[in-house]
Amino acid sequence: MIFRLLEPSGLIEQGGPLVWVLLVLAFVGAVCVVERLFFFHRARINVGDLLVGLSNHVRRKAFAEAQHEAARAPGPVARVAHSLLLRHHLVRSDLRDVAQEAGQLEVPRIEKNIRLILGVALLAPLVGMLGTLLGMVETFQRVGEQGGYAGPAELAGGVFQALVTSVMGLTVAVPMYLFYLYFLGRAKRLVHRIERAGIEMVNLISDARAETGIVSFREEVEARKRSARKSKGEDAS
């Protein structure tokens, strides 16, 4: 009986048309889970090793090599570091803005399909409960058509058919909710790594530029303005 129920034909026969809805939800959830598994697998990277490698290039003022290494590394952390290296001539405050904007652009990619998995986990038991209630209504309607007389076997068979959708709904919802919690934790950790890498890259670029005496374009313009104002003041005196 159980193995016959697990067959697709048995599910449709026992659960009714709402089984198709549950199967569609299960398919959508499975596709989202596989996509997120591949994404987080590609995003796996040792942030410490990446920052050490980039710091060696930055301290030698080899920004082209640092950009090449960041571009080769996979994942959002490397993309944020690459965005900062492309604008290494900016002052610290502007670099912080670049790091924040680059991190914000990565958040939608990180959170993609996670809410959809949660939606499947929430909808599946509701659809299953709806199928159960409709099955119970149909069962008691049949009993009423027979004049209120129904044997225990017939009543038990109707209740059994009605509960099939609830079992399927929970079967879909439980693993989907577990995957949602797993991906949510992975996403939060990845966002934390992006923020950490952004802060460390800003400090690394700013400190390396200060040690080598390199000034940004804004600093150079402000220095020229101060020099011009100072020379005008001396001429006036």
Protein backbone atom coordinates (compact mmCIF):
# COMPACT_ATOMS: atom_id res chain seq x y z
CA MET A 1 0.00 0.00 0.00
CA ILE A 2 2.75 2.46 0.96
CA PHE A 3 4.88 1.73 -2.10
CA ARG A 4 1.86 2.04 -4.34
CA LEU A 5 1.11 5.39 -2.74
CA LEU A 6 4.64 6.66 -3.41
CA GLU A 7 4.28 6.01 -7.13
CA PRO A 8 3.22 9.09 -9.17
CA SER A 9 0.08 7.39 -10.43
CA GLY A 10 -0.79 6.37 -6.88
CA LEU A 11 -0.30 9.90 -5.62
CA ILE A 12 -2.57 11.38 -8.26
CA GLU A 13 -5.16 8.68 -7.67
CA GLN A 14 -5.15 9.07 -3.91
CA GLY A 15 -4.53 12.81 -3.51
CA GLY A 16 -6.40 14.41 -6.35
CA PRO A 17 -5.43 17.39 -8.54
CA LEU A 18 -3.72 19.34 -5.74
CA VAL A 19 -0.95 16.75 -5.85
CA TRP A 20 0.12 18.37 -9.12
CA VAL A 21 0.45 21.69 -7.33
CA LEU A 22 2.63 20.09 -4.68
CA LEU A 23 4.76 18.41 -7.34
CA VAL A 24 5.26 21.75 -9.09
CA LEU A 25 6.25 23.38 -5.78
CA ALA A 26 8.68 20.55 -5.09
CA PHE A 27 10.22 20.94 -8.56
CA VAL A 28 10.61 24.72 -8.20
CA GLY A 29 12.13 24.33 -4.75
CA ALA A 30 14.54 21.65 -5.96
CA VAL A 31 15.72 23.83 -8.85
CA CYS A 32 16.33 26.76 -6.47
CA VAL A 33 18.20 24.55 -4.02
CA VAL A 34 20.50 23.19 -6.73
CA GLU A 35 21.17 26.70 -8.05
CA ARG A 36 22.06 28.00 -4.57
CA LEU A 37 24.31 25.00 -3.90
CA PHE A 38 26.28 25.74 -7.05
CA PHE A 39 26.44 29.45 -6.22
CA PHE A 40 27.80 29.00 -2.72
CA HIS A 41 30.18 26.33 -3.93
CA ARG A 42 31.62 28.77 -6.48
CA ALA A 43 31.75 31.52 -3.87
CA ARG A 44 33.89 29.44 -1.51
CA ILE A 45 37.21 31.21 -1.07
CA ASN A 46 39.74 31.67 1.71
CA VAL A 47 39.42 35.38 2.43
CA GLY A 48 42.58 35.44 4.51
CA ASP A 49 44.72 33.97 1.74
CA LEU A 50 43.20 36.34 -0.81
CA LEU A 51 43.92 39.39 1.34
CA VAL A 52 47.48 38.24 2.03
CA GLY A 53 48.15 37.82 -1.68
CA LEU A 54 46.64 41.21 -2.53
CA SER A 55 48.51 42.96 0.29
CA ASN A 56 51.83 41.76 -1.08
CA HIS A 57 51.07 43.39 -4.43
CA VAL A 58 49.66 46.57 -2.89
CA ARG A 59 52.69 47.13 -0.64
CA ARG A 60 54.90 46.91 -3.76
CA LYS A 61 52.56 49.36 -5.53
CA ALA A 62 51.85 46.62 -8.08
CA PHE A 63 48.18 47.50 -8.42
CA ALA A 64 47.91 45.93 -11.89
CA GLU A 65 49.02 42.56 -10.53
CA ALA A 66 46.64 42.93 -7.58
CA GLN A 67 43.75 43.69 -9.92
CA HIS A 68 44.61 40.68 -12.06
CA GLU A 69 44.71 38.38 -9.02
CA ALA A 70 41.38 39.73 -7.69
CA ALA A 71 39.78 39.33 -11.13
CA ARG A 72 40.91 35.70 -11.33
CA ALA A 73 39.52 34.80 -7.89
CA PRO A 74 35.86 33.66 -7.85
CA GLY A 75 33.08 34.93 -5.63
CA PRO A 76 31.67 38.26 -4.42
CA VAL A 77 34.53 38.94 -1.99
CA ALA A 78 37.03 39.03 -4.84
CA ARG A 79 34.71 41.26 -6.90
CA VAL A 80 34.50 43.80 -4.08
CA ALA A 81 38.30 43.77 -3.71
CA HIS A 82 38.66 44.22 -7.46
CA SER A 83 36.32 47.23 -7.40
CA LEU A 84 38.46 48.87 -4.71
CA LEU A 85 41.70 48.15 -6.54
CA LEU A 86 40.33 49.75 -9.70
CA ARG A 87 39.84 52.97 -7.70
CA HIS A 88 42.94 52.82 -5.52
CA HIS A 89 43.70 56.47 -6.28
CA LEU A 90 40.69 57.69 -4.25
CA VAL A 91 40.89 58.96 -0.68
CA ARG A 92 39.89 56.76 2.26
CA SER A 93 36.35 58.16 2.58
CA ASP A 94 35.65 57.57 -1.11
CA LEU A 95 37.12 54.07 -0.89
CA ARG A 96 34.73 53.29 1.97
CA ASP A 97 31.82 54.43 -0.21
CA VAL A 98 33.05 52.24 -3.06
CA ALA A 99 33.33 49.24 -0.73
CA GLN A 100 29.81 49.82 0.61
CA GLU A 101 28.28 50.21 -2.86
CA ALA A 102 30.11 47.17 -4.23
CA GLY A 103 28.93 45.11 -1.25
CA GLN A 104 25.35 46.26 -1.70
CA LEU A 105 25.44 45.18 -5.34
CA GLU A 106 26.44 41.67 -4.27
CA VAL A 107 23.61 41.25 -1.74
CA PRO A 108 20.85 40.54 -4.34
CA ARG A 109 23.04 37.87 -5.92
CA ILE A 110 23.65 36.27 -2.52
CA GLU A 111 19.98 36.32 -1.50
CA LYS A 112 18.67 35.17 -4.89
CA ASN A 113 16.06 32.36 -4.71
CA ILE A 114 16.39 32.06 -0.91
CA ARG A 115 13.02 33.71 -0.35
CA LEU A 116 11.53 31.51 -3.05
CA ILE A 117 12.68 28.43 -1.14
CA LEU A 118 11.03 29.86 1.97
CA GLY A 119 7.86 30.46 -0.05
CA VAL A 120 7.77 26.82 -1.15
CA ALA A 121 8.30 25.71 2.45
CA LEU A 122 5.38 27.86 3.61
CA LEU A 123 2.99 27.12 0.75
CA ALA A 124 3.42 23.34 0.58
CA PRO A 125 1.78 22.50 3.94
CA LEU A 126 -1.01 25.00 3.25
CA VAL A 127 -1.77 23.36 -0.09
CA GLY A 128 -1.60 19.96 1.59
CA MET A 129 -4.03 21.10 4.29
CA LEU A 130 -6.37 22.48 1.65
CA GLY A 131 -6.31 19.14 -0.14
CA THR A 132 -7.06 17.35 3.12
CA LEU A 133 -10.02 19.61 3.92
CA LEU A 134 -11.42 19.23 0.42
CA GLY A 135 -11.02 15.47 0.69
CA MET A 136 -12.82 15.43 4.03
CA VAL A 137 -15.64 17.54 2.62
CA GLU A 138 -15.97 15.16 -0.32
CA THR A 139 -15.95 12.14 2.01
CA PHE A 140 -18.72 13.45 4.23
CA GLN A 141 -20.66 14.57 1.19
CA ARG A 142 -20.63 10.98 -0.07
CA VAL A 143 -21.75 9.79 3.34
CA GLY A 144 -24.61 12.28 3.24
CA GLU A 145 -25.66 11.13 -0.21
CA GLN A 146 -25.89 7.57 1.14
CA GLY A 147 -28.32 8.65 3.82
CA GLY A 148 -25.73 9.06 6.56
CA TYR A 149 -24.83 5.39 6.57
CA ALA A 150 -21.23 4.41 5.88
CA GLY A 151 -19.15 1.55 7.11
CA PRO A 152 -15.87 2.04 8.99
CA ALA A 153 -13.86 0.76 6.04
CA GLU A 154 -15.42 3.23 3.63
CA LEU A 155 -15.01 6.14 6.05
CA ALA A 156 -11.41 5.21 6.82
CA GLY A 157 -10.65 5.00 3.09
CA GLY A 158 -12.01 8.49 2.51
CA VAL A 159 -10.03 9.95 5.42
CA PHE A 160 -6.90 8.16 4.19
CA GLN A 161 -7.26 9.72 0.73
CA ALA A 162 -7.80 13.14 2.29
CA LEU A 163 -4.61 12.92 4.37
CA VAL A 164 -2.40 12.11 1.38
CA THR A 165 -1.98 15.77 0.40
CA SER A 166 -1.07 16.77 3.97
CA VAL A 167 1.63 14.11 4.06
CA MET A 168 2.97 15.27 0.71
CA GLY A 169 2.86 18.92 1.77
CA LEU A 170 4.89 18.26 4.89
CA THR A 171 7.27 16.04 2.95
CA VAL A 172 8.00 18.96 0.64
CA ALA A 173 7.98 21.67 3.32
CA VAL A 174 10.34 20.18 5.91
CA PRO A 175 13.45 19.77 3.70
CA MET A 176 12.78 23.08 1.98
CA TYR A 177 12.67 24.92 5.28
CA LEU A 178 15.89 23.23 6.39
CA PHE A 179 17.56 24.30 3.13
CA TYR A 180 16.25 27.84 3.71
CA LEU A 181 17.88 28.00 7.14
CA TYR A 182 21.11 26.59 5.73
CA PHE A 183 21.29 29.08 2.86
CA LEU A 184 20.29 31.95 5.12
CA GLY A 185 23.23 31.19 7.39
CA ARG A 186 25.59 30.89 4.42
CA ALA A 187 24.35 34.21 3.05
CA LYS A 188 24.88 36.04 6.34
CA ARG A 189 28.40 34.65 6.69
CA LEU A 190 29.22 35.65 3.12
CA VAL A 191 27.95 39.20 3.65
CA HIS A 192 30.09 39.41 6.80
CA ARG A 193 33.14 38.28 4.80
CA ILE A 194 32.42 40.93 2.16
CA GLU A 195 32.26 43.65 4.81
CA ARG A 196 35.46 42.42 6.42
CA ALA A 197 37.30 42.25 3.10
CA GLY A 198 36.08 45.73 2.14
CA ILE A 199 37.28 47.29 5.40
CA GLU A 200 40.65 45.56 5.24
CA MET A 201 41.19 46.49 1.60
CA VAL A 202 40.37 50.15 2.30
CA ASN A 203 42.86 50.22 5.16
CA LEU A 204 45.46 48.33 3.13
CA ILE A 205 45.27 50.65 0.12
CA SER A 206 45.22 53.81 2.25
CA ASP A 207 48.12 52.70 4.43
CA ALA A 208 50.22 51.60 1.46
CA ARG A 209 49.59 54.92 -0.29
CA ALA A 210 50.53 56.84 2.84
CA GLU A 211 53.76 54.88 3.28
CA THR A 212 54.84 55.48 -0.29
CA GLY A 213 53.80 59.13 -0.31
CA ILE A 214 51.25 58.70 -3.07
CA VAL A 215 48.46 61.29 -2.96
CA SER A 216 45.09 61.06 -4.59
CA PHE A 217 43.81 63.38 -7.30
CA ARG A 218 41.49 65.11 -4.83
CA GLU A 219 44.29 65.64 -2.35
CA GLU A 220 46.46 67.09 -5.11
CA VAL A 221 43.72 69.51 -6.20
CA GLU A 222 43.08 70.63 -2.61
CA ALA A 223 46.81 71.13 -2.07
CA ARG A 224 47.00 73.31 -5.17
CA LYS A 225 44.03 75.36 -3.98
CA ARG A 226 45.62 75.90 -0.59
CA SER A 227 48.88 76.89 -2.25
CA ALA A 228 47.05 79.34 -4.51
CA ARG A 229 45.18 80.91 -1.59
CA LYS A 230 48.39 81.19 0.36
CA SER A 231 50.23 82.87 -2.51
CA LYS A 232 47.33 85.32 -2.97
CA GLY A 233 47.47 86.19 0.70
CA GLU A 234 51.19 86.85 0.53
CA ASP A 235 50.75 89.04 -2.56
CA ALA A 236 48.02 91.01 -0.83
CA SER A 237 50.21 91.62 2.19
